[in-house]
C-alpha atoms as a PDB file:
ATOM      1  CA  MET A   1       4.397 -46.875   3.868  1.00  0.00           C
ATOM      2  CA  THR A   2       7.462 -46.003   2.067  1.00  0.00           C
ATOM      3  CA  ARG A   3      10.035 -43.258   2.717  1.00  0.00           C
ATOM      4  CA  PHE A   4       8.793 -41.503  -0.624  1.00  0.00           C
ATOM      5  CA  SER A   5       5.067 -41.550   0.436  1.00  0.00           C
ATOM      6  CA  ILE A   6       5.816 -40.046   3.793  1.00  0.00           C
ATOM      7  CA  TRP A   7       7.829 -37.328   2.377  1.00  0.00           C
ATOM      8  CA  LEU A   8       5.050 -36.758  -0.370  1.00  0.00           C
ATOM      9  CA  ALA A   9       2.270 -36.512   2.537  1.00  0.00           C
ATOM     10  CA  VAL A  10       4.435 -34.151   4.517  1.00  0.00           C
ATOM     11  CA  ILE A  11       4.857 -31.912   1.280  1.00  0.00           C
ATOM     12  CA  VAL A  12       1.237 -32.162   0.509  1.00  0.00           C
ATOM     13  CA  VAL A  13       0.200 -31.252   4.062  1.00  0.00           C
ATOM     14  CA  ALA A  14       2.707 -28.188   4.011  1.00  0.00           C
ATOM     15  CA  ILE A  15       1.432 -26.816   0.828  1.00  0.00           C
ATOM     16  CA  VAL A  16      -2.280 -27.100   1.884  1.00  0.00           C
ATOM     17  CA  SER A  17      -1.530 -25.497   5.372  1.00  0.00           C
ATOM     18  CA  GLY A  18       0.374 -22.699   3.798  1.00  0.00           C
ATOM     19  CA  TRP A  19      -2.432 -22.287   1.140  1.00  0.00           C
ATOM     20  CA  ALA A  20      -4.996 -22.274   3.806  1.00  0.00           C
ATOM     21  CA  GLY A  21      -3.224 -19.672   5.929  1.00  0.00           C
ATOM     22  CA  PHE A  22      -2.842 -17.445   3.115  1.00  0.00           C
ATOM     23  CA  ARG A  23      -6.625 -17.548   2.243  1.00  0.00           C
ATOM     24  CA  PHE A  24      -7.511 -17.142   5.866  1.00  0.00           C
ATOM     25  CA  ASN A  25      -5.151 -14.008   6.199  1.00  0.00           C
ATOM     26  CA  ALA A  26      -6.280 -12.549   2.996  1.00  0.00           C
ATOM     27  CA  SER A  27     -10.047 -12.802   3.847  1.00  0.00           C
ATOM     28  CA  ARG A  28      -9.548 -10.758   7.048  1.00  0.00           C
ATOM     29  CA  TYR A  29      -8.543  -7.600   5.210  1.00  0.00           C
ATOM     30  CA  GLU A  30     -11.459  -7.380   2.902  1.00  0.00           C
ATOM     31  CA  GLN A  31     -13.412  -4.192   2.747  1.00  0.00           C
ATOM     32  CA  GLY A  32     -15.274  -3.250   6.022  1.00  0.00           C
ATOM     33  CA  ASN A  33     -13.107  -5.510   8.216  1.00  0.00           C
ATOM     34  CA  VAL A  34     -13.225  -3.823  11.617  1.00  0.00           C
ATOM     35  CA  GLU A  35      -9.720  -5.515  12.622  1.00  0.00           C
ATOM     36  CA  ALA A  36      -8.092  -3.760   9.664  1.00  0.00           C
ATOM     37  CA  THR A  37      -9.849  -0.525  10.544  1.00  0.00           C
ATOM     38  CA  GLY A  38      -7.994  -0.230  13.796  1.00  0.00           C
ATOM     39  CA  THR A  39      -4.477  -0.276  11.906  1.00  0.00           C
ATOM     40  CA  ILE A  40      -5.789   2.203   9.318  1.00  0.00           C
ATOM     41  CA  ALA A  41      -6.656   4.414  12.264  1.00  0.00           C
ATOM     42  CA  GLN A  42      -3.107   4.113  13.313  1.00  0.00           C
ATOM     43  CA  LEU A  43      -1.890   4.803   9.924  1.00  0.00           C
ATOM     44  CA  LEU A  44      -3.974   7.671   9.406  1.00  0.00           C
ATOM     45  CA  VAL A  45      -2.685   9.632  12.665  1.00  0.00           C
ATOM     46  CA  ALA A  46       0.872   8.590  12.230  1.00  0.00           C
ATOM     47  CA  THR A  47       3.213  11.506  11.471  1.00  0.00           C
ATOM     48  CA  PHE A  48       5.525  11.547   8.704  1.00  0.00           C
ATOM     49  CA  GLN A  49       8.030  14.040   7.526  1.00  0.00           C
ATOM     50  CA  GLY A  50       7.495  15.347   4.095  1.00  0.00           C
ATOM     51  CA  LEU A  51      10.359  16.133   1.768  1.00  0.00           C
ATOM     52  CA  ASP A  52       9.694  19.808   2.538  1.00  0.00           C
ATOM     53  CA  GLY A  53      10.617  19.092   6.320  1.00  0.00           C
ATOM     54  CA  ARG A  54       7.289  19.550   7.579  1.00  0.00           C
ATOM     55  CA  PRO A  55       5.174  16.921   9.376  1.00  0.00           C
ATOM     56  CA  HIS A  56       2.148  15.409   7.738  1.00  0.00           C
ATOM     57  CA  THR A  57      -0.489  12.671   8.470  1.00  0.00           C
ATOM     58  CA  LEU A  58      -2.520  10.687   6.153  1.00  0.00           C
ATOM     59  CA  GLY A  59      -5.559  12.166   7.775  1.00  0.00           C
ATOM     60  CA  ASP A  60      -4.743  15.563   6.126  1.00  0.00           C
ATOM     61  CA  TRP A  61      -6.383  14.123   3.074  1.00  0.00           C
ATOM     62  CA  ARG A  62      -9.562  12.727   4.800  1.00  0.00           C
ATOM     63  CA  GLY A  63     -12.547  13.338   2.308  1.00  0.00           C
ATOM     64  CA  LYS A  64     -10.501  12.149  -0.785  1.00  0.00           C
ATOM     65  CA  VAL A  65      -9.923   8.744  -2.268  1.00  0.00           C
ATOM     66  CA  LEU A  66      -6.499   8.142  -0.961  1.00  0.00           C
ATOM     67  CA  VAL A  67      -3.938   5.816  -2.579  1.00  0.00           C
ATOM     68  CA  VAL A  68      -0.926   5.359  -0.333  1.00  0.00           C
ATOM     69  CA  ASN A  69       2.182   3.635  -1.795  1.00  0.00           C
ATOM     70  CA  PHE A  70       4.883   2.316   0.201  1.00  0.00           C
ATOM     71  CA  TRP A  71       8.267   2.220  -1.742  1.00  0.00           C
ATOM     72  CA  ALA A  72      12.017   2.728  -1.659  1.00  0.00           C
ATOM     73  CA  THR A  73      14.509   4.108  -4.289  1.00  0.00           C
ATOM     74  CA  TRP A  74      16.409   0.799  -4.258  1.00  0.00           C
ATOM     75  CA  CYS A  75      13.197  -1.068  -5.181  1.00  0.00           C
ATOM     76  CA  PRO A  76      12.900  -1.568  -8.952  1.00  0.00           C
ATOM     77  CA  PRO A  77       9.036  -2.386  -9.064  1.00  0.00           C
ATOM     78  CA  CYS A  78       8.450   0.487  -6.815  1.00  0.00           C
ATOM     79  CA  ARG A  79      10.121   2.725  -9.425  1.00  0.00           C
ATOM     80  CA  GLU A  80       8.373   1.038 -12.309  1.00  0.00           C
ATOM     81  CA  GLU A  81       4.803   1.887 -10.830  1.00  0.00           C
ATOM     82  CA  MET A  82       5.531   5.523  -9.907  1.00  0.00           C
ATOM     83  CA  PRO A  83       5.117   7.074 -13.271  1.00  0.00           C
ATOM     84  CA  ALA A  84       1.718   5.535 -13.662  1.00  0.00           C
ATOM     85  CA  PHE A  85       0.770   6.632 -10.259  1.00  0.00           C
ATOM     86  CA  SER A  86       1.852  10.274 -11.063  1.00  0.00           C
ATOM     87  CA  HIS A  87      -0.191  10.140 -14.314  1.00  0.00           C
ATOM     88  CA  THR A  88      -3.173   9.034 -12.661  1.00  0.00           C
ATOM     89  CA  GLN A  89      -2.620  11.605  -9.857  1.00  0.00           C
ATOM     90  CA  LEU A  90      -2.453  14.384 -12.580  1.00  0.00           C
ATOM     91  CA  ARG A  91      -5.504  13.030 -14.324  1.00  0.00           C
ATOM     92  CA  LEU A  92      -7.799  12.317 -11.453  1.00  0.00           C
ATOM     93  CA  GLY A  93      -6.816  14.730  -8.615  1.00  0.00           C
ATOM     94  CA  ASN A  94      -9.648  17.125  -9.729  1.00  0.00           C
ATOM     95  CA  GLN A  95     -11.990  14.111  -8.805  1.00  0.00           C
ATOM     96  CA  ASP A  96     -10.720  14.122  -5.105  1.00  0.00           C
ATOM     97  CA  VAL A  97      -8.131  11.462  -5.738  1.00  0.00           C
ATOM     98  CA  GLN A  98      -4.949  11.787  -3.797  1.00  0.00           C
ATOM     99  CA  PHE A  99      -2.016   9.717  -4.128  1.00  0.00           C
ATOM    100  CA  VAL A 100       0.818   9.826  -1.296  1.00  0.00           C
ATOM    101  CA  GLY A 101       4.180   8.292  -1.476  1.00  0.00           C
ATOM    102  CA  ILE A 102       5.722   6.978   1.814  1.00  0.00           C
ATOM    103  CA  ALA A 103       9.440   6.005   1.221  1.00  0.00           C
ATOM    104  CA  ILE A 104      11.131   3.606   3.403  1.00  0.00           C
ATOM    105  CA  ASP A 105      14.348   5.124   2.591  1.00  0.00           C
ATOM    106  CA  SER A 106      16.657   7.886   3.645  1.00  0.00           C
ATOM    107  CA  PRO A 107      15.467  11.446   2.920  1.00  0.00           C
ATOM    108  CA  ASP A 108      18.543  12.494   1.045  1.00  0.00           C
ATOM    109  CA  GLN A 109      18.073   9.402  -1.363  1.00  0.00           C
ATOM    110  CA  VAL A 110      14.425  10.070  -1.793  1.00  0.00           C
ATOM    111  CA  ARG A 111      15.226  13.865  -2.635  1.00  0.00           C
ATOM    112  CA  GLU A 112      17.800  12.799  -4.933  1.00  0.00           C
ATOM    113  CA  TYR A 113      15.525  10.462  -6.680  1.00  0.00           C
ATOM    114  CA  ILE A 114      12.551  12.778  -6.884  1.00  0.00           C
ATOM    115  CA  ARG A 115      14.775  15.313  -8.235  1.00  0.00           C
ATOM    116  CA  THR A 116      15.586  13.047 -11.206  1.00  0.00           C
ATOM    117  CA  MET A 117      12.170  11.453 -11.502  1.00  0.00           C
ATOM    118  CA  PRO A 118       9.657  13.963 -10.234  1.00  0.00           C
ATOM    119  CA  VAL A 119       6.116  12.648  -9.325  1.00  0.00           C
ATOM    120  CA  SER A 120       3.031  14.671  -9.132  1.00  0.00           C
ATOM    121  CA  TYR A 121       1.934  13.846  -5.588  1.00  0.00           C
ATOM    122  CA  PRO A 122       3.403  14.224  -2.049  1.00  0.00           C
ATOM    123  CA  VAL A 123       6.127  12.028  -0.967  1.00  0.00           C
ATOM    124  CA  MET A 124       7.021  11.566   2.844  1.00  0.00           C
ATOM    125  CA  ILE A 125       9.611   9.426   4.674  1.00  0.00           C
ATOM    126  CA  GLY A 126       8.613   6.537   6.723  1.00  0.00           C
ATOM    127  CA  SER A 127      10.752   3.835   8.621  1.00  0.00           C
ATOM    128  CA  ALA A 128      10.660   0.103   9.262  1.00  0.00           C
ATOM    129  CA  ALA A 129       8.250   0.754  12.047  1.00  0.00           C
ATOM    130  CA  THR A 130       5.944   2.268   9.153  1.00  0.00           C
ATOM    131  CA  LEU A 131       6.055  -1.074   7.636  1.00  0.00           C
ATOM    132  CA  GLY A 132       5.228  -2.770  10.769  1.00  0.00           C
ATOM    133  CA  ILE A 133       1.820  -1.042  10.730  1.00  0.00           C
ATOM    134  CA  THR A 134       1.252  -2.487   7.164  1.00  0.00           C
ATOM    135  CA  ALA A 135       1.418  -5.822   8.402  1.00  0.00           C
ATOM    136  CA  GLY A 136      -1.878  -5.618   9.791  1.00  0.00           C
ATOM    137  CA  LEU A 137      -3.233  -4.703   6.324  1.00  0.00           C
ATOM    138  CA  GLY A 138      -1.992  -7.479   4.278  1.00  0.00           C
ATOM    139  CA  ASN A 139       1.450  -6.757   4.116  1.00  0.00           C
ATOM    140  CA  ALA A 140       2.601  -9.601   6.380  1.00  0.00           C
ATOM    141  CA  SER A 141       6.152  -9.822   4.888  1.00  0.00           C
ATOM    142  CA  GLN A 142       6.401  -6.035   5.213  1.00  0.00           C
ATOM    143  CA  GLY A 143       7.745  -6.058   1.626  1.00  0.00           C
ATOM    144  CA  LEU A 144       7.654  -3.266  -0.945  1.00  0.00           C
ATOM    145  CA  PRO A 145       6.238  -1.883  -3.079  1.00  0.00           C
ATOM    146  CA  PHE A 146       2.917  -2.035  -0.963  1.00  0.00           C
ATOM    147  CA  THR A 147      -0.166   0.205  -1.972  1.00  0.00           C
ATOM    148  CA  LEU A 148      -3.443   0.885   0.009  1.00  0.00           C
ATOM    149  CA  VAL A 149      -6.679   2.331  -1.479  1.00  0.00           C
ATOM    150  CA  LEU A 150      -8.794   4.195   1.127  1.00  0.00           C
ATOM    151  CA  GLY A 151     -12.127   5.418   0.698  1.00  0.00           C
ATOM    152  CA  ARG A 152     -13.166   9.002   1.568  1.00  0.00           C
ATOM    153  CA  GLU A 153     -13.713   8.179   5.045  1.00  0.00           C
ATOM    154  CA  GLY A 154     -10.588   6.343   5.572  1.00  0.00           C
ATOM    155  CA  HIS A 155     -11.799   2.779   5.074  1.00  0.00           C
ATOM    156  CA  LEU A 156      -9.615   0.150   3.554  1.00  0.00           C
ATOM    157  CA  ILE A 157     -10.926  -0.822   0.012  1.00  0.00           C
ATOM    158  CA  SER A 158      -7.966  -2.823  -1.074  1.00  0.00           C
ATOM    159  CA  SER A 159      -4.202  -3.551  -0.532  1.00  0.00           C
ATOM    160  CA  LYS A 160      -1.525  -5.055  -2.695  1.00  0.00           C
ATOM    161  CA  LEU A 161       1.705  -6.210  -2.083  1.00  0.00           C
ATOM    162  CA  GLY A 162       3.789  -5.905  -5.443  1.00  0.00           C
ATOM    163  CA  ARG A 163       3.584  -3.833  -8.358  1.00  0.00           C
ATOM    164  CA  MET A 164      -0.020  -2.629  -9.096  1.00  0.00           C
ATOM    165  CA  SER A 165      -1.060  -2.391 -12.800  1.00  0.00           C
ATOM    166  CA  ASP A 166      -3.059   0.587 -14.115  1.00  0.00           C
ATOM    167  CA  ASP A 167      -6.070  -1.790 -14.568  1.00  0.00           C
ATOM    168  CA  GLU A 168      -5.910  -2.886 -10.984  1.00  0.00           C
ATOM    169  CA  LEU A 169      -5.768   0.547  -9.836  1.00  0.00           C
ATOM    170  CA  GLU A 170      -8.471   1.930 -12.111  1.00  0.00           C
ATOM    171  CA  GLU A 171     -10.687  -1.057 -10.944  1.00  0.00           C
ATOM    172  CA  HIS A 172     -10.297   0.131  -7.139  1.00  0.00           C
ATOM    173  CA  ILE A 173     -10.564   3.957  -7.881  1.00  0.00           C
ATOM    174  CA  ARG A 174     -13.298   4.369 -10.403  1.00  0.00           C
ATOM    175  CA  PRO A 175     -16.354   3.183  -8.310  1.00  0.00           C
ATOM    176  CA  LEU A 176     -15.074   5.526  -5.408  1.00  0.00           C
ATOM    177  CA  ILE A 177     -14.822   8.715  -7.750  1.00  0.00           C
ATOM    178  CA  ALA A 178     -18.413   7.840  -8.516  1.00  0.00           C
ATOM    179  CA  ILE A 179     -19.657   8.233  -4.937  1.00  0.00           C
ATOM    180  CA  LYS A 180     -19.690  11.750  -4.046  1.00  0.00           C
ATOM    181  CA  PRO A 181     -19.731  12.809  -0.297  1.00  0.00           C
END
């Protein structure tokens, strides 16, 4: 075998292994997965400081379709999706849909950003440890933006690393709105 053939074989094996690992990891976090539910439970009871200085948990909104968006002021894709999230909150809030932003940033920077670019949903402050929780929900790289859609009982419906389009968001939320408690 030539040196080129060996390198080509190594590259092919690496690509196939990476793809298989990605598919395995992605399949573990589909709707109803018991392993992901434990991490969701941790996230629902975690306490976050609101911009009002008061502590909040995501469990405060149990019974609603919950869209949780992890973001930062320094993240361009995060800032790009926030106006659409705010608009959707205004449009669907009366149908028991609740958006919550968790900023992985300093409270002062978040307050300044929200003052210049207001949103129609609560924003809380998270930390690097908060992103650690998301690793078990499909955010292995702990990147931003990262969005979760949870059903009314706190079950993971979907997770997305990267900017979520309006169509993707509607696709996940609409069926949940139709199901009344």
